[in-house]
Amino acid sequence: MTKAAFITNFPGNVDYVYGFGRRAKLEGMADFIPGVVTEKDFMSRKDELKDVEVLFSTWGMFSPTEEMFAAMPKLKALFYGAGATNHFAPAFLAHNIKVSSAWIANAIPVAQFAAAQILLGLKGYFLNTRNMKSKEAWCDPQWRKAPCIFEERVVLIGAGAISTKLVEMLSGMNLDIVV
């Protein structure tokens, strides 16, 4: 059976990301070393890591040193249950270790949240909640404006996975979307 390990500087994130039975499912598919390996305890656990072929991580992943890579001579892949990998992936790729990220999957809930915030902003929600502090304010028509969003301009900075999903979500709402 494939030898595997969870690795991150924030062990609590493993339970968060790999919760709801996902960790148990993975542990049924591979032989995991106990617990979560952190950068701080890595070298004290190097004997456990010598046969590891697959690492699973999430937020808090660090870029291993050459000594750490040498301690994992059988390592073939890192599965990263989060988005951006630019701060650690180059080190793995330099050792011909495959890196897989959940960046597309993570873009979906982030885009959903951003779409909700955009629509709330366009409808005046934030202004209204800030200004609705009294009964008098509630009666003042200037604070109850709920502008139409028809052809309002929404500017998205960047054209990555999140922006791409946002364009999909907002495209049927007659908005002027600029990326």
N, C-alpha and C. Protein backbone atom coordinates (compact mmCIF):
# COMPACT_ATOMS: atom_id res chain seq x y z
N MET A 1 0.84 -1.18 0.00
CA MET A 1 0.00 0.00 0.00
C MET A 1 0.88 1.24 0.00
N THR A 2 0.46 2.27 -0.70
CA THR A 2 1.20 3.53 -0.79
C THR A 2 1.34 4.17 0.57
N LYS A 3 2.54 4.63 0.86
CA LYS A 3 2.82 5.32 2.12
C LYS A 3 2.56 6.82 1.92
N ALA A 4 1.85 7.43 2.87
CA ALA A 4 1.46 8.83 2.72
C ALA A 4 1.57 9.57 4.05
N ALA A 5 1.49 10.90 3.96
CA ALA A 5 1.55 11.74 5.16
C ALA A 5 0.78 13.03 4.92
N PHE A 6 0.23 13.57 6.01
CA PHE A 6 -0.32 14.92 6.00
C PHE A 6 0.79 15.84 6.46
N ILE A 7 0.94 16.99 5.78
CA ILE A 7 2.04 17.89 6.09
C ILE A 7 1.60 19.34 5.95
N THR A 8 1.77 20.11 7.02
CA THR A 8 1.45 21.55 7.01
C THR A 8 1.92 22.14 8.32
N ASN A 9 2.14 23.44 8.33
CA ASN A 9 2.50 24.11 9.58
C ASN A 9 1.28 24.41 10.44
N PHE A 10 0.09 24.19 9.91
CA PHE A 10 -1.14 24.43 10.66
C PHE A 10 -1.98 23.16 10.69
N PRO A 11 -1.65 22.22 11.59
CA PRO A 11 -2.31 20.91 11.63
C PRO A 11 -3.84 20.98 11.73
N GLY A 12 -4.39 21.99 12.38
CA GLY A 12 -5.84 22.11 12.49
C GLY A 12 -6.52 22.25 11.14
N ASN A 13 -5.80 22.77 10.16
CA ASN A 13 -6.36 22.92 8.82
C ASN A 13 -6.62 21.58 8.15
N VAL A 14 -5.87 20.55 8.54
CA VAL A 14 -6.06 19.23 7.95
C VAL A 14 -7.46 18.71 8.29
N ASP A 15 -7.86 18.83 9.54
CA ASP A 15 -9.20 18.38 9.92
C ASP A 15 -10.28 19.22 9.24
N TYR A 16 -10.01 20.51 9.05
CA TYR A 16 -10.99 21.39 8.40
C TYR A 16 -11.15 21.02 6.93
N VAL A 17 -10.05 20.90 6.22
CA VAL A 17 -10.09 20.65 4.77
C VAL A 17 -10.41 19.20 4.45
N TYR A 18 -9.87 18.29 5.24
CA TYR A 18 -10.06 16.86 4.97
C TYR A 18 -11.09 16.24 5.91
N GLY A 19 -11.99 17.06 6.42
CA GLY A 19 -13.05 16.58 7.31
C GLY A 19 -14.19 15.93 6.54
N PHE A 20 -15.29 15.72 7.23
CA PHE A 20 -16.50 15.14 6.64
C PHE A 20 -16.24 13.81 5.95
N GLY A 21 -15.35 13.01 6.55
CA GLY A 21 -15.09 11.67 6.02
C GLY A 21 -14.01 11.60 4.96
N ARG A 22 -13.53 12.75 4.48
CA ARG A 22 -12.51 12.73 3.43
C ARG A 22 -11.19 12.15 3.93
N ARG A 23 -10.81 12.52 5.15
CA ARG A 23 -9.55 12.00 5.69
C ARG A 23 -9.64 10.49 5.87
N ALA A 24 -10.76 10.01 6.41
CA ALA A 24 -10.94 8.56 6.60
C ALA A 24 -10.90 7.83 5.27
N LYS A 25 -11.48 8.43 4.25
CA LYS A 25 -11.48 7.81 2.92
C LYS A 25 -10.05 7.71 2.39
N LEU A 26 -9.28 8.79 2.54
CA LEU A 26 -7.88 8.77 2.11
C LEU A 26 -7.09 7.72 2.89
N GLU A 27 -7.32 7.67 4.20
CA GLU A 27 -6.59 6.71 5.04
C GLU A 27 -6.95 5.27 4.71
N GLY A 28 -8.10 5.06 4.07
CA GLY A 28 -8.45 3.73 3.60
C GLY A 28 -7.76 3.37 2.29
N MET A 29 -7.21 4.37 1.62
CA MET A 29 -6.57 4.16 0.32
C MET A 29 -5.04 4.15 0.40
N ALA A 30 -4.49 4.60 1.53
CA ALA A 30 -3.04 4.67 1.68
C ALA A 30 -2.68 4.43 3.14
N ASP A 31 -1.43 4.09 3.37
CA ASP A 31 -0.91 3.87 4.72
C ASP A 31 -0.28 5.17 5.20
N PHE A 32 -1.01 5.92 6.02
CA PHE A 32 -0.55 7.23 6.50
C PHE A 32 0.29 7.08 7.76
N ILE A 33 1.35 7.89 7.84
CA ILE A 33 2.08 7.96 9.10
C ILE A 33 1.18 8.73 10.06
N PRO A 34 1.31 8.52 11.36
CA PRO A 34 0.41 9.16 12.33
C PRO A 34 0.53 10.69 12.37
N GLY A 35 -0.58 11.33 12.64
CA GLY A 35 -0.61 12.77 12.86
C GLY A 35 -0.35 13.60 11.63
N VAL A 36 0.14 14.82 11.88
CA VAL A 36 0.45 15.77 10.82
C VAL A 36 1.89 16.22 11.01
N VAL A 37 2.66 16.16 9.95
CA VAL A 37 4.07 16.58 10.00
C VAL A 37 4.14 18.09 9.76
N THR A 38 4.87 18.78 10.64
CA THR A 38 5.07 20.22 10.48
C THR A 38 6.53 20.49 10.13
N GLU A 39 6.81 21.68 9.70
CA GLU A 39 8.19 22.07 9.39
C GLU A 39 9.08 21.93 10.62
N LYS A 40 8.52 22.29 11.77
CA LYS A 40 9.27 22.26 13.03
C LYS A 40 9.67 20.84 13.44
N ASP A 41 8.77 19.87 13.24
CA ASP A 41 9.09 18.51 13.68
C ASP A 41 9.53 17.58 12.54
N PHE A 42 9.67 18.13 11.33
CA PHE A 42 10.00 17.32 10.16
C PHE A 42 11.24 16.46 10.38
N MET A 43 12.34 17.08 10.74
CA MET A 43 13.60 16.33 10.85
C MET A 43 13.58 15.29 11.95
N SER A 44 12.82 15.53 13.01
CA SER A 44 12.72 14.52 14.06
C SER A 44 11.85 13.34 13.62
N ARG A 45 11.12 13.50 12.53
CA ARG A 45 10.26 12.44 12.01
C ARG A 45 10.76 11.88 10.67
N LYS A 46 11.98 12.21 10.29
CA LYS A 46 12.47 11.83 8.97
C LYS A 46 12.51 10.32 8.76
N ASP A 47 12.71 9.53 9.82
CA ASP A 47 12.69 8.08 9.65
C ASP A 47 11.30 7.59 9.23
N GLU A 48 10.26 8.24 9.72
CA GLU A 48 8.89 7.88 9.33
C GLU A 48 8.61 8.28 7.88
N LEU A 49 9.30 9.29 7.39
CA LEU A 49 9.03 9.85 6.07
C LEU A 49 9.83 9.20 4.93
N LYS A 50 10.77 8.32 5.26
CA LYS A 50 11.67 7.79 4.23
C LYS A 50 10.96 6.98 3.15
N ASP A 51 9.82 6.40 3.46
CA ASP A 51 9.09 5.60 2.47
C ASP A 51 7.85 6.30 1.92
N VAL A 52 7.63 7.54 2.32
CA VAL A 52 6.44 8.28 1.88
C VAL A 52 6.53 8.57 0.38
N GLU A 53 5.44 8.24 -0.33
CA GLU A 53 5.35 8.49 -1.77
C GLU A 53 4.43 9.67 -2.09
N VAL A 54 3.49 9.93 -1.18
CA VAL A 54 2.47 10.94 -1.43
C VAL A 54 2.27 11.79 -0.18
N LEU A 55 2.23 13.12 -0.39
CA LEU A 55 1.93 14.05 0.69
C LEU A 55 0.58 14.71 0.42
N PHE A 56 -0.15 14.99 1.49
CA PHE A 56 -1.40 15.74 1.42
C PHE A 56 -1.24 16.96 2.31
N SER A 57 -1.61 18.12 1.79
CA SER A 57 -1.44 19.35 2.56
C SER A 57 -2.60 20.29 2.29
N THR A 58 -2.52 21.45 2.95
CA THR A 58 -3.46 22.54 2.75
C THR A 58 -2.79 23.81 3.25
N TRP A 59 -3.58 24.85 3.58
CA TRP A 59 -3.00 26.12 4.02
C TRP A 59 -1.94 25.86 5.08
N GLY A 60 -0.83 26.55 4.94
CA GLY A 60 0.28 26.37 5.87
C GLY A 60 1.38 25.48 5.32
N MET A 61 1.26 25.06 4.06
CA MET A 61 2.31 24.24 3.46
C MET A 61 3.57 25.07 3.32
N PHE A 62 4.69 24.47 3.63
CA PHE A 62 5.97 25.16 3.57
C PHE A 62 6.80 24.58 2.42
N SER A 63 7.83 25.29 2.05
CA SER A 63 8.73 24.83 1.00
C SER A 63 9.85 24.03 1.66
N PRO A 64 9.89 22.72 1.42
CA PRO A 64 10.91 21.89 2.07
C PRO A 64 12.33 22.27 1.63
N THR A 65 13.27 22.04 2.53
CA THR A 65 14.68 22.26 2.23
C THR A 65 15.22 21.06 1.47
N GLU A 66 16.42 21.18 0.96
CA GLU A 66 17.07 20.06 0.27
C GLU A 66 17.22 18.86 1.21
N GLU A 67 17.53 19.13 2.46
CA GLU A 67 17.67 18.06 3.45
C GLU A 67 16.34 17.33 3.66
N MET A 68 15.24 18.08 3.63
CA MET A 68 13.91 17.47 3.77
C MET A 68 13.58 16.60 2.56
N PHE A 69 13.87 17.11 1.36
CA PHE A 69 13.62 16.30 0.16
C PHE A 69 14.47 15.03 0.19
N ALA A 70 15.71 15.15 0.65
CA ALA A 70 16.59 13.97 0.74
C ALA A 70 16.03 12.93 1.71
N ALA A 71 15.28 13.38 2.71
CA ALA A 71 14.68 12.46 3.68
C ALA A 71 13.46 11.73 3.10
N MET A 72 12.98 12.17 1.94
CA MET A 72 11.81 11.55 1.29
C MET A 72 12.17 11.11 -0.13
N PRO A 73 13.08 10.16 -0.28
CA PRO A 73 13.57 9.80 -1.62
C PRO A 73 12.51 9.16 -2.52
N LYS A 74 11.44 8.64 -1.96
CA LYS A 74 10.40 7.98 -2.76
C LYS A 74 9.22 8.90 -3.11
N LEU A 75 9.28 10.16 -2.67
CA LEU A 75 8.17 11.08 -2.86
C LEU A 75 7.89 11.31 -4.34
N LYS A 76 6.60 11.14 -4.72
CA LYS A 76 6.19 11.29 -6.12
C LYS A 76 5.19 12.42 -6.33
N ALA A 77 4.39 12.74 -5.29
CA ALA A 77 3.33 13.72 -5.51
C ALA A 77 2.92 14.43 -4.21
N LEU A 78 2.47 15.67 -4.40
CA LEU A 78 1.88 16.45 -3.32
C LEU A 78 0.48 16.85 -3.76
N PHE A 79 -0.52 16.52 -2.96
CA PHE A 79 -1.90 16.92 -3.22
C PHE A 79 -2.24 18.03 -2.24
N TYR A 80 -2.47 19.21 -2.79
CA TYR A 80 -2.66 20.41 -1.99
C TYR A 80 -4.13 20.79 -1.98
N GLY A 81 -4.78 20.63 -0.85
CA GLY A 81 -6.21 20.93 -0.71
C GLY A 81 -6.46 22.39 -0.45
N ALA A 82 -5.94 23.25 -1.31
CA ALA A 82 -6.16 24.70 -1.23
C ALA A 82 -5.82 25.27 -2.60
N GLY A 83 -5.59 26.57 -2.67
CA GLY A 83 -5.42 27.23 -3.96
C GLY A 83 -3.99 27.43 -4.40
N ALA A 84 -3.48 28.62 -4.17
CA ALA A 84 -2.18 29.02 -4.71
C ALA A 84 -1.04 28.15 -4.19
N THR A 85 -0.16 27.79 -5.10
CA THR A 85 0.98 26.92 -4.75
C THR A 85 2.32 27.59 -5.04
N ASN A 86 2.30 28.84 -5.48
CA ASN A 86 3.52 29.48 -5.97
C ASN A 86 4.63 29.59 -4.92
N HIS A 87 4.31 29.58 -3.64
CA HIS A 87 5.37 29.72 -2.64
C HIS A 87 6.08 28.42 -2.30
N PHE A 88 5.55 27.26 -2.71
CA PHE A 88 6.23 26.00 -2.42
C PHE A 88 6.36 25.07 -3.62
N ALA A 89 5.50 25.21 -4.62
CA ALA A 89 5.52 24.28 -5.76
C ALA A 89 6.85 24.25 -6.51
N PRO A 90 7.52 25.38 -6.73
CA PRO A 90 8.78 25.31 -7.49
C PRO A 90 9.79 24.33 -6.89
N ALA A 91 9.86 24.26 -5.57
CA ALA A 91 10.80 23.32 -4.94
C ALA A 91 10.42 21.88 -5.25
N PHE A 92 9.13 21.57 -5.22
CA PHE A 92 8.68 20.21 -5.54
C PHE A 92 8.93 19.89 -7.00
N LEU A 93 8.56 20.81 -7.87
CA LEU A 93 8.72 20.59 -9.30
C LEU A 93 10.19 20.43 -9.68
N ALA A 94 11.07 21.15 -9.00
CA ALA A 94 12.51 21.02 -9.25
C ALA A 94 13.01 19.61 -8.93
N HIS A 95 12.27 18.88 -8.11
CA HIS A 95 12.63 17.50 -7.76
C HIS A 95 11.76 16.48 -8.52
N ASN A 96 11.12 16.95 -9.59
CA ASN A 96 10.24 16.10 -10.41
C ASN A 96 9.11 15.46 -9.62
N ILE A 97 8.61 16.20 -8.64
CA ILE A 97 7.48 15.74 -7.82
C ILE A 97 6.25 16.48 -8.32
N LYS A 98 5.21 15.73 -8.66
CA LYS A 98 3.98 16.32 -9.17
C LYS A 98 3.25 17.07 -8.06
N VAL A 99 2.65 18.20 -8.42
CA VAL A 99 1.88 19.01 -7.48
C VAL A 99 0.48 19.18 -8.04
N SER A 100 -0.51 18.82 -7.24
CA SER A 100 -1.91 18.98 -7.62
C SER A 100 -2.57 19.91 -6.62
N SER A 101 -3.34 20.87 -7.14
CA SER A 101 -3.98 21.86 -6.28
C SER A 101 -5.48 21.88 -6.49
N ALA A 102 -6.20 22.33 -5.47
CA ALA A 102 -7.66 22.45 -5.54
C ALA A 102 -8.07 23.87 -5.93
N TRP A 103 -7.23 24.56 -6.69
CA TRP A 103 -7.49 25.98 -6.98
C TRP A 103 -8.78 26.19 -7.75
N ILE A 104 -9.14 25.31 -8.64
CA ILE A 104 -10.40 25.48 -9.38
C ILE A 104 -11.58 25.24 -8.44
N ALA A 105 -11.50 24.18 -7.65
CA ALA A 105 -12.59 23.88 -6.71
C ALA A 105 -12.74 25.01 -5.69
N ASN A 106 -11.63 25.57 -5.22
CA ASN A 106 -11.70 26.67 -4.25
C ASN A 106 -12.25 27.95 -4.87
N ALA A 107 -12.09 28.12 -6.17
CA ALA A 107 -12.58 29.33 -6.83
C ALA A 107 -14.10 29.42 -6.77
N ILE A 108 -14.78 28.29 -6.73
CA ILE A 108 -16.24 28.30 -6.78
C ILE A 108 -16.85 29.00 -5.56
N PRO A 109 -16.56 28.57 -4.31
CA PRO A 109 -17.17 29.28 -3.18
C PRO A 109 -16.69 30.72 -3.03
N VAL A 110 -15.45 30.99 -3.42
CA VAL A 110 -14.95 32.37 -3.34
C VAL A 110 -15.72 33.24 -4.34
N ALA A 111 -15.92 32.73 -5.54
CA ALA A 111 -16.69 33.48 -6.55
C ALA A 111 -18.14 33.66 -6.11
N GLN A 112 -18.73 32.64 -5.50
CA GLN A 112 -20.10 32.76 -5.00
C GLN A 112 -20.20 33.87 -3.96
N PHE A 113 -19.25 33.89 -3.03
CA PHE A 113 -19.24 34.92 -2.00
C PHE A 113 -19.05 36.30 -2.64
N ALA A 114 -18.10 36.40 -3.57
CA ALA A 114 -17.85 37.69 -4.23
C ALA A 114 -19.07 38.16 -5.01
N ALA A 115 -19.74 37.23 -5.70
CA ALA A 115 -20.96 37.59 -6.46
C ALA A 115 -22.03 38.13 -5.51
N ALA A 116 -22.19 37.49 -4.38
CA ALA A 116 -23.18 37.96 -3.40
C ALA A 116 -22.82 39.37 -2.91
N GLN A 117 -21.54 39.60 -2.62
CA GLN A 117 -21.12 40.92 -2.15
C GLN A 117 -21.31 41.98 -3.22
N ILE A 118 -21.01 41.63 -4.47
CA ILE A 118 -21.19 42.57 -5.57
C ILE A 118 -22.66 42.95 -5.71
N LEU A 119 -23.53 41.96 -5.70
CA LEU A 119 -24.97 42.24 -5.85
C LEU A 119 -25.51 43.04 -4.67
N LEU A 120 -25.08 42.69 -3.47
CA LEU A 120 -25.51 43.47 -2.30
C LEU A 120 -25.04 44.92 -2.42
N GLY A 121 -23.80 45.11 -2.84
CA GLY A 121 -23.26 46.46 -3.02
C GLY A 121 -24.02 47.25 -4.07
N LEU A 122 -24.31 46.60 -5.19
CA LEU A 122 -25.05 47.28 -6.25
C LEU A 122 -26.45 47.67 -5.81
N LYS A 123 -27.05 46.92 -4.94
CA LYS A 123 -28.41 47.20 -4.46
C LYS A 123 -28.42 48.17 -3.28
N GLY A 124 -27.26 48.65 -2.86
CA GLY A 124 -27.21 49.64 -1.80
C GLY A 124 -27.28 49.06 -0.40
N TYR A 125 -27.11 47.75 -0.27
CA TYR A 125 -27.25 47.09 1.03
C TYR A 125 -26.30 47.67 2.09
N PHE A 126 -25.04 47.82 1.74
CA PHE A 126 -24.05 48.25 2.74
C PHE A 126 -24.30 49.70 3.18
N LEU A 127 -24.63 50.54 2.22
CA LEU A 127 -24.97 51.93 2.56
C LEU A 127 -26.21 51.97 3.44
N ASN A 128 -27.22 51.22 3.05
CA ASN A 128 -28.47 51.22 3.83
C ASN A 128 -28.27 50.68 5.24
N THR A 129 -27.55 49.61 5.40
CA THR A 129 -27.36 49.06 6.75
C THR A 129 -26.55 50.01 7.62
N ARG A 130 -25.63 50.73 7.02
CA ARG A 130 -24.85 51.70 7.79
C ARG A 130 -25.71 52.89 8.20
N ASN A 131 -26.62 53.30 7.34
CA ASN A 131 -27.41 54.51 7.59
C ASN A 131 -28.73 54.24 8.31
N MET A 132 -29.16 53.02 8.41
CA MET A 132 -30.44 52.69 9.05
C MET A 132 -30.26 52.49 10.55
N LYS A 133 -29.95 53.56 11.24
CA LYS A 133 -29.71 53.45 12.67
C LYS A 133 -30.88 53.93 13.51
N SER A 134 -31.88 54.52 12.87
CA SER A 134 -33.03 55.04 13.61
C SER A 134 -34.30 54.92 12.78
N LYS A 135 -35.45 55.08 13.45
CA LYS A 135 -36.73 55.07 12.73
C LYS A 135 -36.81 56.22 11.74
N GLU A 136 -36.22 57.37 12.11
CA GLU A 136 -36.23 58.53 11.23
C GLU A 136 -35.48 58.22 9.94
N ALA A 137 -34.35 57.56 10.06
CA ALA A 137 -33.57 57.21 8.88
C ALA A 137 -34.35 56.25 7.99
N TRP A 138 -35.11 55.34 8.60
CA TRP A 138 -35.89 54.38 7.83
C TRP A 138 -36.95 55.10 6.98
N CYS A 139 -37.47 56.20 7.50
CA CYS A 139 -38.51 56.95 6.78
C CYS A 139 -37.93 57.88 5.72
N ASP A 140 -36.66 58.15 5.77
CA ASP A 140 -36.02 59.04 4.80
C ASP A 140 -35.80 58.26 3.49
N PRO A 141 -36.49 58.67 2.40
CA PRO A 141 -36.42 57.90 1.15
C PRO A 141 -35.02 57.78 0.56
N GLN A 142 -34.12 58.72 0.87
CA GLN A 142 -32.77 58.62 0.29
C GLN A 142 -32.02 57.38 0.78
N TRP A 143 -32.35 56.87 1.97
CA TRP A 143 -31.64 55.70 2.49
C TRP A 143 -32.30 54.39 2.08
N ARG A 144 -33.48 54.46 1.50
CA ARG A 144 -34.15 53.23 1.10
C ARG A 144 -33.98 52.94 -0.37
N LYS A 145 -33.10 53.62 -1.00
CA LYS A 145 -32.88 53.39 -2.42
C LYS A 145 -32.36 51.98 -2.63
N ALA A 146 -32.95 51.31 -3.56
CA ALA A 146 -32.47 50.00 -3.99
C ALA A 146 -32.28 50.11 -5.49
N PRO A 147 -31.12 50.62 -5.90
CA PRO A 147 -30.93 50.90 -7.32
C PRO A 147 -31.04 49.64 -8.16
N CYS A 148 -31.45 49.85 -9.37
CA CYS A 148 -31.51 48.77 -10.33
C CYS A 148 -30.07 48.42 -10.71
N ILE A 149 -29.82 47.19 -10.93
CA ILE A 149 -28.46 46.81 -11.31
C ILE A 149 -28.28 46.75 -12.83
N PHE A 150 -29.34 47.03 -13.57
CA PHE A 150 -29.31 46.97 -15.03
C PHE A 150 -28.18 47.82 -15.60
N GLU A 151 -27.29 47.20 -16.34
CA GLU A 151 -26.15 47.81 -17.02
C GLU A 151 -25.18 48.53 -16.09
N GLU A 152 -25.21 48.21 -14.81
CA GLU A 152 -24.18 48.75 -13.90
C GLU A 152 -22.84 48.11 -14.28
N ARG A 153 -21.77 48.84 -14.08
CA ARG A 153 -20.44 48.34 -14.42
C ARG A 153 -19.83 47.64 -13.21
N VAL A 154 -19.32 46.44 -13.45
CA VAL A 154 -18.59 45.66 -12.45
C VAL A 154 -17.21 45.42 -13.01
N VAL A 155 -16.18 45.83 -12.29
CA VAL A 155 -14.81 45.67 -12.75
C VAL A 155 -14.14 44.58 -11.91
N LEU A 156 -13.63 43.58 -12.58
CA LEU A 156 -12.93 42.48 -11.92
C LEU A 156 -11.44 42.63 -12.23
N ILE A 157 -10.63 42.64 -11.19
CA ILE A 157 -9.19 42.80 -11.38
C ILE A 157 -8.57 41.42 -11.41
N GLY A 158 -8.05 41.03 -12.55
CA GLY A 158 -7.46 39.71 -12.74
C GLY A 158 -8.39 38.83 -13.55
N ALA A 159 -7.80 37.85 -14.21
CA ALA A 159 -8.57 36.96 -15.07
C ALA A 159 -8.32 35.51 -14.71
N GLY A 160 -8.19 35.23 -13.42
CA GLY A 160 -7.94 33.87 -12.97
C GLY A 160 -9.22 33.08 -12.80
N ALA A 161 -9.12 32.01 -12.05
CA ALA A 161 -10.25 31.10 -11.85
C ALA A 161 -11.43 31.79 -11.17
N ILE A 162 -11.16 32.62 -10.18
CA ILE A 162 -12.25 33.30 -9.46
C ILE A 162 -12.97 34.27 -10.39
N SER A 163 -12.22 35.10 -11.10
CA SER A 163 -12.85 36.04 -12.04
C SER A 163 -13.63 35.31 -13.12
N THR A 164 -13.09 34.22 -13.62
CA THR A 164 -13.78 33.44 -14.65
C THR A 164 -15.12 32.93 -14.14
N LYS A 165 -15.14 32.41 -12.91
CA LYS A 165 -16.40 31.94 -12.31
C LYS A 165 -17.35 33.11 -12.07
N LEU A 166 -16.82 34.24 -11.63
CA LEU A 166 -17.66 35.42 -11.40
C LEU A 166 -18.33 35.88 -12.68
N VAL A 167 -17.58 35.90 -13.77
CA VAL A 167 -18.16 36.30 -15.05
C VAL A 167 -19.31 35.36 -15.41
N GLU A 168 -19.10 34.05 -15.21
CA GLU A 168 -20.17 33.07 -15.48
C GLU A 168 -21.41 33.37 -14.64
N MET A 169 -21.20 33.62 -13.34
CA MET A 169 -22.31 33.83 -12.42
C MET A 169 -23.07 35.13 -12.68
N LEU A 170 -22.34 36.18 -13.07
CA LEU A 170 -22.95 37.49 -13.24
C LEU A 170 -23.41 37.77 -14.68
N SER A 171 -23.04 36.90 -15.61
CA SER A 171 -23.26 37.20 -17.02
C SER A 171 -24.73 37.31 -17.42
N GLY A 172 -25.64 36.65 -16.75
CA GLY A 172 -27.05 36.74 -17.13
C GLY A 172 -27.81 37.86 -16.45
N MET A 173 -27.11 38.79 -15.83
CA MET A 173 -27.77 39.83 -15.03
C MET A 173 -27.73 41.21 -15.67
N ASN A 174 -27.45 41.28 -16.97
CA ASN A 174 -27.41 42.55 -17.68
C ASN A 174 -26.48 43.58 -17.03
N LEU A 175 -25.31 43.11 -16.64
CA LEU A 175 -24.29 43.99 -16.09
C LEU A 175 -23.24 44.26 -17.15
N ASP A 176 -22.54 45.37 -17.01
CA ASP A 176 -21.39 45.68 -17.86
C ASP A 176 -20.17 45.16 -17.10
N ILE A 177 -19.69 43.98 -17.47
CA ILE A 177 -18.57 43.35 -16.74
C ILE A 177 -17.27 43.62 -17.48
N VAL A 178 -16.33 44.20 -16.76
CA VAL A 178 -15.01 44.50 -17.31
C VAL A 178 -13.98 43.69 -16.52
N VAL A 179 -13.16 42.94 -17.25
CA VAL A 179 -12.11 42.15 -16.59
C VAL A 179 -10.78 42.76 -16.93
